[in-house]
Amino acid sequence: MNAKEQIRAQMHNMRKGCKQDEGSIINNLCDIIATMPHKSLGLYYPMADEIDVRSLFKKFDNLSLPIFHQNVFYFGKFDMLCDMVKNHWGFTEPKDFFCVNPEVIVVPGLAFDLCGSRLGRGKGHYDQYLSTHKDIVSVGICFEYQIVETLPQEEHDQKINYLIRYK
């Protein structure tokens, strides 16, 4: 097991035993996003071990969610009336594909460091997207236990612009 896999396993185990107040981090995130000059926001539909951002779906307009179209990661237009489906990776996404490029995206992760490094699930979807959309502002959110001193980095790994954490 390599270093990234070890950290992923450790974070999965820590999240299982952790009952954190997600409301506080969502309120902080909401306040910070509201101050950012943007017209469109990319969120994500949370998996069981990710911070649940669904309450933000009702608070912002011009939303998009990750969507896979022909096995490529995009952001697709989203509103509360969208039909949602699970894709073959197990991610919930809008059923209909209408590609948009949000100006700010909220990025989930299993671990982060204070230099902007992020550890996801290991498929590189967000890294690939951020590498081709350099003008997007990326915001990671996490609990304090998800912050590590240093994350191993590979050439394709992309850093996030901001990290919002809850102590």
Foldseek 3Di string as FASTA:
>chain_A
DDPLVVLLVVLVVVLVPDDDDLVVLLVVVVVVVVPDDWDAEEEECDDPSWRHNVVCLVVDPRYWYWDADPNATFTATDHPPFDWDQDPVRGIHGPDGDGDDTQEYEDEASAAEPVQFGHHPPPCRVLVVCVVVVRHAYEYEEEPVRYDHDDDDDPSTDGHNYYGYHD
